Amino acid sequence: MVKTTYNYAGKWDAQRMARAYSTNQPASLKYSLEISRTLKGKMLEDGERLLNDVILQKRHLPLRTYTKKVPHRKGDAVYGSKAGRYPQRTCKVWLNLLNSVRANADVKGLDTKKLLVVHANASQGFQRITNQSQGRISGKSRKSKSTHIEVIVREVGA
């Protein structure tokens, strides 16, 4: 089943809001949930800056839920958590989605400097199973992850 709806429970204002979603992206669901929790309530530029810093390993993505066997990072706690990682592939997928929602807001005539992320969500996508051959017919089965990702932004007043 293909994702066609949003999980946004707030009031939709078509003149001041823009949205984008992407289905079955090759990203980890756990990291996507942590990224969505971190991005909610931030300005869009701050979120893009955070994801770029995680890709360049200047800052870590704070993990607040999935912290089992995750080492602490040096420095002060970020969003109440010292545990963190650098999920580069997932951050690249989220950056593409943030660029898409920025373009959608630009088409609607919104000021892209004043965009606030009011909703960010990730849900589980399809799991594809491929077989890695190991000299036998069946081989070893591997699952590839995919995630549905959605972002809604609102233009805030000056």
Protein backbone atom coordinates (compact mmCIF):
# COMPACT_ATOMS: atom_id res chain seq x y z
CA MET A 1 0.00 0.00 0.00
CA VAL A 2 1.40 3.37 -0.98
CA LYS A 3 1.31 6.25 1.47
CA THR A 4 -1.03 9.00 0.27
CA THR A 5 -2.08 10.90 3.42
CA TYR A 6 -0.44 12.97 6.14
CA ASN A 7 -0.50 12.24 9.88
CA TYR A 8 -0.99 15.93 10.78
CA ALA A 9 -3.68 16.52 13.40
CA GLY A 10 -3.49 20.33 13.54
CA LYS A 11 -5.49 22.88 11.60
CA TRP A 12 -4.41 23.23 7.96
CA ASP A 13 -3.99 26.79 6.64
CA ALA A 14 -3.43 26.60 2.89
CA GLN A 15 -2.19 30.21 2.56
CA ARG A 16 0.54 29.98 5.22
CA MET A 17 1.59 26.32 5.15
CA ALA A 18 3.46 24.02 2.79
CA ARG A 19 4.07 20.29 2.94
CA ALA A 20 6.07 17.51 1.36
CA TYR A 21 6.34 13.79 1.85
CA SER A 22 8.46 11.07 0.41
CA THR A 23 7.67 7.38 0.40
CA ASN A 24 9.91 4.34 0.70
CA GLN A 25 13.14 6.23 1.17
CA PRO A 26 16.29 4.21 1.95
CA ALA A 27 16.64 5.50 5.50
CA SER A 28 16.59 4.04 8.97
CA LEU A 29 13.24 4.38 10.74
CA LYS A 30 14.85 4.80 14.17
CA TYR A 31 17.12 7.63 13.07
CA SER A 32 14.26 9.22 11.13
CA LEU A 33 12.11 9.31 14.26
CA GLU A 34 14.94 10.95 16.19
CA ILE A 35 15.48 13.50 13.40
CA SER A 36 11.77 14.30 13.25
CA ARG A 37 11.67 14.86 17.01
CA THR A 38 14.69 17.15 16.76
CA LEU A 39 13.32 19.18 13.82
CA LYS A 40 9.85 19.90 15.23
CA GLY A 41 9.54 23.49 16.40
CA LYS A 42 12.74 24.64 14.67
CA MET A 43 13.15 27.08 11.85
CA LEU A 44 13.78 25.35 8.53
CA GLU A 45 17.25 26.90 8.10
CA ASP A 46 18.30 25.72 11.57
CA GLY A 47 17.18 22.21 10.75
CA GLU A 48 19.12 22.18 7.49
CA ARG A 49 22.19 23.49 9.29
CA LEU A 50 21.89 20.74 11.91
CA LEU A 51 21.61 18.00 9.29
CA ASN A 52 24.57 19.36 7.33
CA ASP A 53 26.65 19.42 10.51
CA VAL A 54 25.70 15.81 11.27
CA ILE A 55 26.75 14.78 7.75
CA LEU A 56 30.11 16.55 8.21
CA GLN A 57 30.37 15.07 11.75
CA LYS A 58 30.67 18.47 13.40
CA ARG A 59 27.65 17.81 15.65
CA HIS A 60 25.97 14.59 16.64
CA LEU A 61 22.32 13.74 16.31
CA PRO A 62 21.02 13.41 19.89
CA LEU A 63 19.37 10.05 20.47
CA ARG A 64 16.73 10.17 23.18
CA THR A 65 14.77 6.97 22.61
CA TYR A 66 17.12 4.51 20.95
CA THR A 67 20.14 4.83 23.23
CA LYS A 68 21.04 1.21 23.95
CA LYS A 69 24.80 0.67 23.47
CA VAL A 70 25.22 4.20 22.07
CA PRO A 71 28.29 6.05 23.39
CA HIS A 72 28.17 9.51 24.91
CA ARG A 73 29.68 12.39 22.95
CA LYS A 74 31.98 14.98 24.44
CA GLY A 75 30.65 18.39 25.35
CA ASP A 76 27.39 19.49 26.85
CA ALA A 77 24.12 17.63 26.49
CA VAL A 78 22.13 18.46 23.35
CA TYR A 79 18.34 18.46 23.88
CA GLY A 80 18.83 16.64 27.18
CA SER A 81 20.92 13.80 25.77
CA LYS A 82 24.64 13.19 25.52
CA ALA A 83 24.20 9.99 23.54
CA GLY A 84 24.36 10.45 19.79
CA ARG A 85 25.42 9.17 16.40
CA TYR A 86 26.13 10.45 12.88
CA PRO A 87 23.52 8.86 10.55
CA GLN A 88 24.73 10.31 7.26
CA ARG A 89 22.53 8.40 4.82
CA THR A 90 19.34 9.23 6.74
CA CYS A 91 20.35 12.89 7.05
CA LYS A 92 20.86 13.14 3.28
CA VAL A 93 17.34 11.81 2.70
CA TRP A 94 15.91 14.34 5.17
CA LEU A 95 17.87 17.19 3.54
CA ASN A 96 16.33 16.31 0.17
CA LEU A 97 12.87 16.42 1.74
CA LEU A 98 13.56 19.78 3.44
CA ASN A 99 14.72 21.19 0.10
CA SER A 100 11.50 19.91 -1.45
CA VAL A 101 9.29 21.53 1.17
CA ARG A 102 11.25 24.78 0.76
CA ALA A 103 10.58 24.68 -2.98
CA ASN A 104 6.88 23.97 -2.37
CA ALA A 105 6.68 26.97 -0.04
CA ASP A 106 8.46 29.13 -2.61
CA VAL A 107 5.94 28.14 -5.28
CA LYS A 108 3.11 29.13 -2.92
CA GLY A 109 4.73 32.55 -2.43
CA LEU A 110 5.79 32.06 1.20
CA ASP A 111 8.91 33.71 2.62
CA THR A 112 11.43 30.86 2.84
CA LYS A 113 13.44 32.62 5.58
CA LYS A 114 10.49 32.50 8.01
CA LEU A 115 9.47 28.84 7.75
CA LEU A 116 8.85 26.92 10.98
CA VAL A 117 8.64 23.12 11.02
CA VAL A 118 5.30 22.40 12.68
CA HIS A 119 5.10 18.70 11.81
CA ALA A 120 7.68 16.06 10.99
CA ASN A 121 6.94 12.37 11.04
CA ALA A 122 8.40 9.07 9.91
CA SER A 123 6.69 5.74 9.53
CA GLN A 124 7.72 2.31 8.36
CA GLY A 125 7.79 1.67 4.63
CA PHE A 126 8.14 -1.51 2.64
CA GLN A 127 10.81 -4.06 3.48
CA ARG A 128 12.40 -5.71 0.50
CA ILE A 129 14.15 -9.04 0.93
CA THR A 130 17.10 -9.89 -1.29
CA ASN A 131 19.25 -12.99 -1.20
CA GLN A 132 23.00 -12.77 -0.90
CA SER A 133 24.46 -15.75 -2.69
CA GLN A 134 26.91 -17.82 -0.68
CA GLY A 135 27.54 -20.72 -3.02
CA ARG A 136 24.14 -22.21 -2.33
CA ILE A 137 20.77 -21.79 -3.95
CA SER A 138 19.01 -20.04 -1.08
CA GLY A 139 21.90 -17.97 0.27
CA LYS A 140 21.43 -15.50 3.09
CA SER A 141 18.37 -13.26 3.11
CA ARG A 142 18.86 -9.55 3.80
CA LYS A 143 16.21 -6.92 4.47
CA SER A 144 16.56 -3.43 3.09
CA LYS A 145 14.93 -0.68 5.13
CA SER A 146 12.62 1.98 3.82
CA THR A 147 10.79 4.81 5.53
CA HIS A 148 7.91 7.15 4.74
CA ILE A 149 8.86 10.72 5.70
CA GLU A 150 6.65 13.82 5.88
CA VAL A 151 7.25 17.48 6.78
CA ILE A 152 4.84 20.40 7.14
CA VAL A 153 6.09 23.98 7.55
CA ARG A 154 4.29 27.22 8.40
CA GLU A 155 5.29 30.78 7.69
CA VAL A 156 5.63 32.70 10.96
CA GLY A 157 4.91 36.41 11.24
CA ALA A 158 7.66 39.00 11.49
